[in-house]
């Protein structure tokens, strides 16, 4: 649990970077072998790419760092429950563990595709959920 909080704080730092850049504040960190191998945040506006979610950016960087497409021994920390697209990518990467902060009742994978993850992927949720939700809420409040 202590490590989960530490790495989720890193993901929250990435989410704050996203917000500073005008992106929806979602951040992600991938850890393998006790070390951070990838950090990312949403870049859909900067890249003009609807698929440039934090999770996909982090998965790509982690696969490059490890030299392979399967991330069975890695953990993905993300501030918001992944969408269906990201859950599919997490599943295809065979991510060993997914840890996320705030639930996303409108677009989260648990609502639309609860079976999208690889069957062996362990899931933990609610880690620093209040902080993650607050970032999202403040971002959209400022937009309105």
N, C-alpha and C. Protein backbone atom coordinates (compact mmCIF):
# COMPACT_ATOMS: atom_id res chain seq x y z
N UNK A 1 0.83 -1.21 0.00
CA UNK A 1 0.00 0.00 0.00
C UNK A 1 0.87 1.26 0.00
N UNK A 2 1.96 1.22 0.74
CA UNK A 2 2.85 2.38 0.80
C UNK A 2 3.43 2.70 -0.58
N UNK A 3 3.85 1.65 -1.30
CA UNK A 3 4.36 1.85 -2.66
C UNK A 3 3.27 2.36 -3.58
N UNK A 4 2.06 1.84 -3.44
CA UNK A 4 0.95 2.29 -4.28
C UNK A 4 0.73 3.79 -4.12
N UNK A 5 0.78 4.28 -2.90
CA UNK A 5 0.59 5.71 -2.64
C UNK A 5 1.74 6.51 -3.25
N UNK A 6 2.96 6.02 -3.09
CA UNK A 6 4.13 6.73 -3.63
C UNK A 6 4.03 6.86 -5.15
N UNK A 7 3.74 5.75 -5.82
CA UNK A 7 3.67 5.80 -7.27
C UNK A 7 2.44 6.54 -7.78
N UNK A 8 1.34 6.47 -7.04
CA UNK A 8 0.16 7.23 -7.44
C UNK A 8 0.43 8.73 -7.30
N UNK A 9 1.21 9.12 -6.31
CA UNK A 9 1.61 10.53 -6.20
C UNK A 9 2.40 10.97 -7.43
N UNK A 10 3.22 10.08 -7.97
CA UNK A 10 3.95 10.39 -9.21
C UNK A 10 2.97 10.55 -10.37
N UNK A 11 1.97 9.69 -10.43
CA UNK A 11 0.96 9.80 -11.47
C UNK A 11 0.17 11.10 -11.33
N UNK A 12 -0.11 11.49 -10.10
CA UNK A 12 -0.80 12.77 -9.86
C UNK A 12 0.06 13.95 -10.32
N UNK A 13 1.38 13.87 -10.14
CA UNK A 13 2.27 14.91 -10.63
C UNK A 13 2.18 15.01 -12.15
N UNK A 14 2.10 13.86 -12.82
CA UNK A 14 1.91 13.85 -14.28
C UNK A 14 0.57 14.48 -14.66
N UNK A 15 -0.47 14.17 -13.88
CA UNK A 15 -1.79 14.74 -14.15
C UNK A 15 -1.76 16.26 -14.01
N UNK A 16 -1.03 16.76 -13.03
CA UNK A 16 -0.91 18.21 -12.86
C UNK A 16 -0.19 18.84 -14.05
N UNK A 17 0.81 18.15 -14.58
CA UNK A 17 1.48 18.63 -15.81
C UNK A 17 0.49 18.72 -16.96
N UNK A 18 -0.34 17.70 -17.08
CA UNK A 18 -1.36 17.70 -18.13
C UNK A 18 -2.27 18.91 -17.99
N UNK A 19 -2.75 19.16 -16.79
CA UNK A 19 -3.64 20.30 -16.55
C UNK A 19 -2.95 21.61 -16.91
N UNK A 20 -1.69 21.74 -16.53
CA UNK A 20 -0.91 22.94 -16.84
C UNK A 20 -0.80 23.15 -18.35
N UNK A 21 -0.80 22.05 -19.11
CA UNK A 21 -0.70 22.12 -20.57
C UNK A 21 -2.07 22.20 -21.25
N UNK A 22 -3.15 22.30 -20.44
CA UNK A 22 -4.49 22.41 -21.01
C UNK A 22 -5.10 21.07 -21.38
N UNK A 23 -4.49 19.99 -20.91
CA UNK A 23 -4.99 18.64 -21.17
C UNK A 23 -5.86 18.19 -20.00
N UNK A 24 -6.76 17.27 -20.24
CA UNK A 24 -7.52 16.68 -19.14
C UNK A 24 -6.50 16.04 -18.20
N UNK A 25 -6.56 16.36 -16.91
CA UNK A 25 -5.51 15.94 -15.98
C UNK A 25 -5.56 14.47 -15.57
N UNK A 26 -4.98 13.65 -16.43
CA UNK A 26 -4.81 12.23 -16.13
C UNK A 26 -3.34 11.92 -16.30
N UNK A 27 -2.78 11.25 -15.29
CA UNK A 27 -1.37 10.88 -15.34
C UNK A 27 -1.20 9.40 -15.12
N UNK A 28 -0.09 8.87 -15.63
CA UNK A 28 0.18 7.44 -15.51
C UNK A 28 1.67 7.20 -15.28
N UNK A 29 1.95 6.13 -14.54
CA UNK A 29 3.32 5.70 -14.25
C UNK A 29 3.34 4.19 -14.37
N UNK A 30 4.39 3.65 -14.98
CA UNK A 30 4.57 2.20 -15.05
C UNK A 30 5.81 1.85 -14.25
N UNK A 31 5.65 0.85 -13.38
CA UNK A 31 6.73 0.39 -12.51
C UNK A 31 6.99 -1.09 -12.79
N UNK A 32 8.26 -1.43 -12.91
CA UNK A 32 8.66 -2.83 -13.08
C UNK A 32 9.97 -3.04 -12.35
N UNK A 33 10.07 -4.13 -11.63
CA UNK A 33 11.29 -4.43 -10.90
C UNK A 33 11.64 -3.38 -9.86
N UNK A 34 10.61 -2.74 -9.31
CA UNK A 34 10.84 -1.74 -8.27
C UNK A 34 11.34 -0.40 -8.77
N UNK A 35 11.28 -0.19 -10.09
CA UNK A 35 11.71 1.11 -10.61
C UNK A 35 10.71 1.64 -11.64
N UNK A 36 10.63 2.95 -11.71
CA UNK A 36 9.75 3.60 -12.67
C UNK A 36 10.38 3.48 -14.05
N UNK A 37 9.65 2.88 -14.98
CA UNK A 37 10.17 2.72 -16.34
C UNK A 37 9.46 3.62 -17.34
N UNK A 38 8.33 4.23 -16.93
CA UNK A 38 7.62 5.15 -17.83
C UNK A 38 6.73 6.08 -17.02
N UNK A 39 6.64 7.31 -17.49
CA UNK A 39 5.72 8.29 -16.94
C UNK A 39 5.07 9.00 -18.12
N UNK A 40 3.79 9.32 -17.99
CA UNK A 40 3.10 10.00 -19.09
C UNK A 40 1.86 10.70 -18.57
N UNK A 41 1.33 11.57 -19.40
CA UNK A 41 0.04 12.21 -19.11
C UNK A 41 -0.70 12.39 -20.43
N UNK A 42 -1.96 12.76 -20.32
CA UNK A 42 -2.77 12.96 -21.52
C UNK A 42 -2.09 13.96 -22.45
N UNK A 43 -2.11 13.66 -23.73
CA UNK A 43 -1.52 14.55 -24.74
C UNK A 43 -2.42 14.65 -25.97
N UNK A 44 -3.72 14.50 -25.77
CA UNK A 44 -4.63 14.50 -26.91
C UNK A 44 -4.70 15.86 -27.61
N UNK A 45 -4.62 16.93 -26.85
CA UNK A 45 -4.67 18.27 -27.45
C UNK A 45 -3.36 18.58 -28.17
N UNK A 46 -2.26 18.34 -27.51
CA UNK A 46 -0.95 18.65 -28.09
C UNK A 46 -0.72 17.86 -29.39
N UNK A 47 -1.05 16.57 -29.35
CA UNK A 47 -0.80 15.72 -30.51
C UNK A 47 -1.96 15.70 -31.50
N UNK A 48 -3.09 16.33 -31.11
CA UNK A 48 -4.32 16.29 -31.92
C UNK A 48 -4.67 14.84 -32.26
N UNK A 49 -4.66 14.03 -31.22
CA UNK A 49 -4.85 12.58 -31.38
C UNK A 49 -5.73 12.09 -30.24
N UNK A 50 -6.92 11.64 -30.57
CA UNK A 50 -7.86 11.19 -29.54
C UNK A 50 -7.37 9.96 -28.80
N UNK A 51 -6.38 9.25 -29.35
CA UNK A 51 -5.86 8.06 -28.68
C UNK A 51 -4.67 8.36 -27.77
N UNK A 52 -4.26 9.59 -27.65
CA UNK A 52 -3.07 9.93 -26.87
C UNK A 52 -3.37 10.05 -25.38
N UNK A 53 -4.06 9.07 -24.84
CA UNK A 53 -4.35 9.04 -23.41
C UNK A 53 -3.09 8.69 -22.62
N UNK A 54 -3.07 9.08 -21.37
CA UNK A 54 -1.91 8.85 -20.51
C UNK A 54 -1.52 7.37 -20.48
N UNK A 55 -2.51 6.50 -20.36
CA UNK A 55 -2.22 5.07 -20.28
C UNK A 55 -1.52 4.55 -21.53
N UNK A 56 -2.00 4.96 -22.70
CA UNK A 56 -1.40 4.49 -23.94
C UNK A 56 0.02 5.03 -24.11
N UNK A 57 0.22 6.28 -23.73
CA UNK A 57 1.56 6.86 -23.80
C UNK A 57 2.52 6.10 -22.87
N UNK A 58 2.03 5.77 -21.67
CA UNK A 58 2.86 5.07 -20.70
C UNK A 58 3.15 3.63 -21.12
N UNK A 59 2.15 2.95 -21.67
CA UNK A 59 2.35 1.58 -22.13
C UNK A 59 3.38 1.53 -23.25
N UNK A 60 3.28 2.45 -24.19
CA UNK A 60 4.24 2.50 -25.30
C UNK A 60 5.66 2.74 -24.78
N UNK A 61 5.80 3.70 -23.87
CA UNK A 61 7.13 4.00 -23.31
C UNK A 61 7.67 2.82 -22.51
N UNK A 62 6.82 2.14 -21.76
CA UNK A 62 7.26 1.00 -20.95
C UNK A 62 7.69 -0.16 -21.84
N UNK A 63 6.93 -0.43 -22.90
CA UNK A 63 7.30 -1.51 -23.81
C UNK A 63 8.64 -1.22 -24.48
N UNK A 64 8.86 0.04 -24.82
CA UNK A 64 10.14 0.44 -25.41
C UNK A 64 11.27 0.25 -24.39
N UNK A 65 11.03 0.67 -23.16
CA UNK A 65 12.05 0.55 -22.11
C UNK A 65 12.42 -0.91 -21.83
N UNK A 66 11.42 -1.77 -21.87
CA UNK A 66 11.66 -3.19 -21.57
C UNK A 66 12.04 -4.01 -22.80
N UNK A 67 11.83 -3.45 -23.97
CA UNK A 67 12.18 -4.15 -25.19
C UNK A 67 11.22 -5.25 -25.58
N UNK A 68 9.97 -5.13 -25.18
CA UNK A 68 8.96 -6.13 -25.53
C UNK A 68 7.57 -5.59 -25.31
N UNK A 69 6.60 -6.20 -25.98
CA UNK A 69 5.23 -5.69 -25.91
C UNK A 69 4.43 -6.17 -24.71
N UNK A 70 4.88 -7.21 -24.05
CA UNK A 70 4.14 -7.73 -22.90
C UNK A 70 4.71 -7.18 -21.60
N UNK A 71 3.83 -6.72 -20.74
CA UNK A 71 4.21 -6.07 -19.49
C UNK A 71 3.69 -6.86 -18.29
N UNK A 72 3.89 -8.17 -18.34
CA UNK A 72 3.34 -9.06 -17.33
C UNK A 72 3.91 -8.82 -15.94
N UNK A 73 5.11 -8.29 -15.85
CA UNK A 73 5.73 -8.04 -14.55
C UNK A 73 5.68 -6.57 -14.16
N UNK A 74 4.82 -5.81 -14.79
CA UNK A 74 4.74 -4.37 -14.54
C UNK A 74 3.41 -3.99 -13.90
N UNK A 75 3.42 -2.83 -13.27
CA UNK A 75 2.22 -2.24 -12.69
C UNK A 75 1.99 -0.88 -13.31
N UNK A 76 0.77 -0.64 -13.76
CA UNK A 76 0.37 0.66 -14.28
C UNK A 76 -0.42 1.40 -13.21
N UNK A 77 0.06 2.58 -12.86
CA UNK A 77 -0.64 3.47 -11.94
C UNK A 77 -1.25 4.58 -12.78
N UNK A 78 -2.54 4.79 -12.64
CA UNK A 78 -3.20 5.85 -13.40
C UNK A 78 -4.21 6.54 -12.49
N UNK A 79 -4.33 7.85 -12.64
CA UNK A 79 -5.13 8.63 -11.70
C UNK A 79 -6.63 8.44 -11.87
N UNK A 80 -7.06 8.04 -13.06
CA UNK A 80 -8.48 7.87 -13.35
C UNK A 80 -8.73 6.48 -13.93
N UNK A 81 -9.85 5.89 -13.59
CA UNK A 81 -10.23 4.60 -14.15
C UNK A 81 -10.10 4.64 -15.67
N UNK A 82 -9.38 3.70 -16.26
CA UNK A 82 -9.20 3.72 -17.71
C UNK A 82 -10.50 3.58 -18.48
N UNK A 83 -10.51 4.19 -19.66
CA UNK A 83 -11.65 4.04 -20.57
C UNK A 83 -11.56 2.66 -21.24
N UNK A 84 -12.54 2.35 -22.04
CA UNK A 84 -12.57 1.06 -22.73
C UNK A 84 -11.36 0.89 -23.66
N UNK A 85 -11.00 1.94 -24.38
CA UNK A 85 -9.86 1.85 -25.28
C UNK A 85 -8.58 1.52 -24.51
N UNK A 86 -8.36 2.23 -23.42
CA UNK A 86 -7.15 2.01 -22.63
C UNK A 86 -7.17 0.65 -21.95
N UNK A 87 -8.33 0.23 -21.48
CA UNK A 87 -8.44 -1.09 -20.87
C UNK A 87 -8.08 -2.18 -21.88
N UNK A 88 -8.49 -1.99 -23.12
CA UNK A 88 -8.13 -2.94 -24.16
C UNK A 88 -6.62 -3.01 -24.35
N UNK A 89 -5.97 -1.86 -24.37
CA UNK A 89 -4.51 -1.83 -24.51
C UNK A 89 -3.82 -2.44 -23.29
N UNK A 90 -4.36 -2.18 -22.12
CA UNK A 90 -3.82 -2.78 -20.90
C UNK A 90 -3.95 -4.31 -20.99
N UNK A 91 -5.08 -4.75 -21.50
CA UNK A 91 -5.30 -6.18 -21.68
C UNK A 91 -4.33 -6.79 -22.68
N UNK A 92 -4.18 -6.14 -23.84
CA UNK A 92 -3.27 -6.67 -24.87
C UNK A 92 -1.82 -6.67 -24.40
N UNK A 93 -1.46 -5.72 -23.54
CA UNK A 93 -0.08 -5.68 -23.02
C UNK A 93 0.14 -6.72 -21.93
N UNK A 94 -0.94 -7.35 -21.49
CA UNK A 94 -0.90 -8.33 -20.41
C UNK A 94 -0.30 -7.74 -19.13
N UNK A 95 -0.65 -6.48 -18.86
CA UNK A 95 -0.16 -5.78 -17.67
C UNK A 95 -0.42 -6.64 -16.44
N UNK A 96 0.60 -6.77 -15.61
CA UNK A 96 0.47 -7.60 -14.42
C UNK A 96 -0.49 -7.04 -13.39
N UNK A 97 -0.48 -5.71 -13.29
CA UNK A 97 -1.30 -5.07 -12.25
C UNK A 97 -1.72 -3.69 -12.72
N UNK A 98 -2.94 -3.32 -12.40
CA UNK A 98 -3.49 -1.99 -12.67
C UNK A 98 -3.92 -1.38 -11.35
N UNK A 99 -3.44 -0.19 -11.08
CA UNK A 99 -3.84 0.55 -9.88
C UNK A 99 -4.35 1.91 -10.35
N UNK A 100 -5.60 2.22 -10.01
CA UNK A 100 -6.11 3.53 -10.41
C UNK A 100 -6.73 4.26 -9.23
N UNK A 101 -6.83 5.58 -9.41
CA UNK A 101 -7.34 6.43 -8.34
C UNK A 101 -8.85 6.55 -8.38
N UNK A 102 -9.34 7.58 -9.07
CA UNK A 102 -10.77 7.89 -9.09
C UNK A 102 -11.53 7.01 -10.08
N UNK A 103 -12.74 6.66 -9.71
CA UNK A 103 -13.64 5.96 -10.62
C UNK A 103 -14.11 6.93 -11.70
N UNK A 104 -14.45 6.39 -12.87
CA UNK A 104 -15.03 7.18 -13.95
C UNK A 104 -16.36 6.54 -14.33
N UNK A 105 -17.43 6.89 -13.62
CA UNK A 105 -18.72 6.25 -13.85
C UNK A 105 -19.31 6.53 -15.23
N UNK A 106 -18.88 7.60 -15.91
CA UNK A 106 -19.42 7.93 -17.23
C UNK A 106 -18.71 7.20 -18.36
N UNK A 107 -17.38 7.03 -18.27
CA UNK A 107 -16.63 6.47 -19.39
C UNK A 107 -15.68 5.35 -19.00
N UNK A 108 -15.68 4.95 -17.75
CA UNK A 108 -14.76 3.92 -17.28
C UNK A 108 -15.03 2.54 -17.86
N UNK A 109 -13.98 1.74 -17.95
CA UNK A 109 -14.10 0.41 -18.55
C UNK A 109 -15.01 -0.51 -17.77
N UNK A 110 -15.11 -0.32 -16.46
CA UNK A 110 -15.96 -1.24 -15.67
C UNK A 110 -17.42 -1.16 -16.10
N UNK A 111 -17.83 -0.01 -16.61
CA UNK A 111 -19.21 0.16 -17.07
C UNK A 111 -19.43 -0.49 -18.43
N UNK A 112 -18.49 -0.29 -19.35
CA UNK A 112 -18.68 -0.70 -20.73
C UNK A 112 -17.98 -1.99 -21.13
N UNK A 113 -16.85 -2.28 -20.50
CA UNK A 113 -16.06 -3.45 -20.91
C UNK A 113 -15.33 -4.05 -19.72
N UNK A 114 -16.06 -4.56 -18.75
CA UNK A 114 -15.41 -5.07 -17.54
C UNK A 114 -14.49 -6.26 -17.77
N UNK A 115 -14.62 -6.93 -18.91
CA UNK A 115 -13.77 -8.08 -19.21
C UNK A 115 -12.59 -7.73 -20.12
N UNK A 116 -12.33 -6.44 -20.35
CA UNK A 116 -11.30 -6.03 -21.31
C UNK A 116 -9.88 -6.33 -20.85
N UNK A 117 -9.65 -6.34 -19.56
CA UNK A 117 -8.31 -6.59 -19.04
C UNK A 117 -7.93 -8.05 -19.22
N UNK A 118 -6.64 -8.31 -19.21
CA UNK A 118 -6.16 -9.69 -19.26
C UNK A 118 -6.65 -10.40 -17.99
N UNK A 119 -7.03 -11.67 -18.08
CA UNK A 119 -7.59 -12.37 -16.90
C UNK A 119 -6.64 -12.41 -15.70
N UNK A 120 -5.35 -12.33 -15.93
CA UNK A 120 -4.39 -12.38 -14.81
C UNK A 120 -4.05 -11.01 -14.23
N UNK A 121 -4.54 -9.94 -14.84
CA UNK A 121 -4.25 -8.60 -14.34
C UNK A 121 -4.94 -8.38 -13.00
N UNK A 122 -4.16 -8.04 -12.00
CA UNK A 122 -4.71 -7.68 -10.69
C UNK A 122 -5.10 -6.21 -10.73
N UNK A 123 -6.22 -5.87 -10.09
CA UNK A 123 -6.71 -4.50 -10.10
C UNK A 123 -6.89 -4.00 -8.67
N UNK A 124 -6.41 -2.79 -8.42
CA UNK A 124 -6.65 -2.09 -7.16
C UNK A 124 -7.16 -0.70 -7.52
N UNK A 125 -8.16 -0.24 -6.81
CA UNK A 125 -8.73 1.08 -7.12
C UNK A 125 -8.88 1.90 -5.85
N UNK A 126 -9.11 3.19 -6.05
CA UNK A 126 -9.36 4.08 -4.93
C UNK A 126 -8.11 4.64 -4.28
N UNK A 127 -6.94 4.41 -4.85
CA UNK A 127 -5.70 4.93 -4.27
C UNK A 127 -5.61 6.42 -4.59
N UNK A 128 -5.63 7.26 -3.55
CA UNK A 128 -5.64 8.72 -3.68
C UNK A 128 -6.76 9.20 -4.60
N UNK A 129 -7.89 8.53 -4.49
CA UNK A 129 -9.04 8.82 -5.35
C UNK A 129 -9.55 10.25 -5.17
N UNK A 130 -9.58 10.74 -3.95
CA UNK A 130 -10.09 12.10 -3.71
C UNK A 130 -9.22 13.14 -4.41
N UNK A 131 -7.91 12.97 -4.32
CA UNK A 131 -7.00 13.91 -4.96
C UNK A 131 -7.16 13.88 -6.48
N UNK A 132 -7.27 12.69 -7.03
CA UNK A 132 -7.44 12.53 -8.47
C UNK A 132 -8.76 13.14 -8.95
N UNK A 133 -9.82 12.86 -8.22
CA UNK A 133 -11.13 13.40 -8.58
C UNK A 133 -11.14 14.92 -8.49
N UNK A 134 -10.49 15.45 -7.49
CA UNK A 134 -10.42 16.91 -7.31
C UNK A 134 -9.73 17.58 -8.50
N UNK A 135 -8.67 17.00 -8.99
CA UNK A 135 -7.97 17.55 -10.16
C UNK A 135 -8.90 17.62 -11.37
N UNK A 136 -9.61 16.53 -11.61
CA UNK A 136 -10.54 16.48 -12.74
C UNK A 136 -11.66 17.51 -12.57
N UNK A 137 -12.24 17.55 -11.38
CA UNK A 137 -13.35 18.47 -11.11
C UNK A 137 -12.91 19.92 -11.28
N UNK A 138 -11.75 20.27 -10.73
CA UNK A 138 -11.26 21.64 -10.86
C UNK A 138 -10.97 22.01 -12.31
N UNK A 139 -10.44 21.07 -13.05
CA UNK A 139 -10.14 21.32 -14.46
C UNK A 139 -11.41 21.67 -15.23
N UNK A 140 -12.46 20.85 -15.07
CA UNK A 140 -13.68 21.09 -15.81
C UNK A 140 -14.45 22.29 -15.26
N UNK A 141 -14.32 22.56 -13.99
CA UNK A 141 -14.95 23.75 -13.41
C UNK A 141 -14.36 25.02 -14.04
N UNK A 142 -13.03 25.03 -14.21
CA UNK A 142 -12.36 26.17 -14.82
C UNK A 142 -12.73 26.33 -16.30
N UNK A 143 -13.03 25.22 -16.96
CA UNK A 143 -13.41 25.26 -18.38
C UNK A 143 -14.80 25.86 -18.60
N UNK A 144 -15.66 25.70 -17.59
CA UNK A 144 -17.05 26.17 -17.74
C UNK A 144 -17.15 27.58 -17.36
